[in-house]
Amino acid sequence: MEKKPILLLAILLVFTITGCDNEVDEEEKIAYISRITDSDYAKTFQELHLGIIFDFNLKLTRANESWVDIWVQPYKEGEPLEYIPINLSYGDGLEEEKEEQVGFGIITPNTERSQFFIYSGNGTAKTQVPEDLFTASPAITSWDYAIGDEVVGLEPGEEKVLAVYIQGEGFLRGYDFQDPDYLQKMIDDGITVLALKIKVAKSE
């Protein structure tokens, strides 16, 4: 009979330790990001045939001591290109916690008037698509989010791929955009790949 209280105490101790570990993990996340599945921005783009947009909700847990970088990393013929066509950087806000919409769009893709833009609650970056980025010949394109419906926690300084746009000539494989291994497979296949990335770092 004396063993039961001891056993119950041991079980409670295990749950207490586990709970503490989870709390530490939560505190270590500098930001949380999730895709907006019912996005008004996306609906507008679709209705007006403007192009492609990826829309996210970003929560900064330490906005007053964080620096956010959002950029597009292009790959072509199996290699990363030396230049970054567009990026948006901001940080050190006045609020300790901040929640905002961020995203990336391509206006009229695969035309001479194509434009990239990245937006956040702190501003917008916009630029013409470099002429040598996309192929001039008829191409097959595909795109999707690289994260699922769940909320993704970001460690300080961690780079996370949020979405991918690809272009190939004649044929494209069926890729699982949410499998990290498939990004490298896309790159190795030699097609044109645009990877939207985010990094939230501690301010120096």
Foldseek 3Di string as FASTA:
>chain_A
DVVVVVVVVVVVVVVVVVVVVVVVVVVQFQKKKFWDPPDPVQVVCVVVVFFDKTKMKMKGQAQQFKKKKKFKWKFFQLGTDPDTQDMDIDTNDPDRMDMKMWIKTWTPPLDQAIKIKIDIPVGMDIDGDDPPQDDNDDKDKDKDFLADRDMDTAGAFDKDFTMKIWIDHPDDDDFDSNDVVVVSVRSNVRTMMITIMMHMHGHD
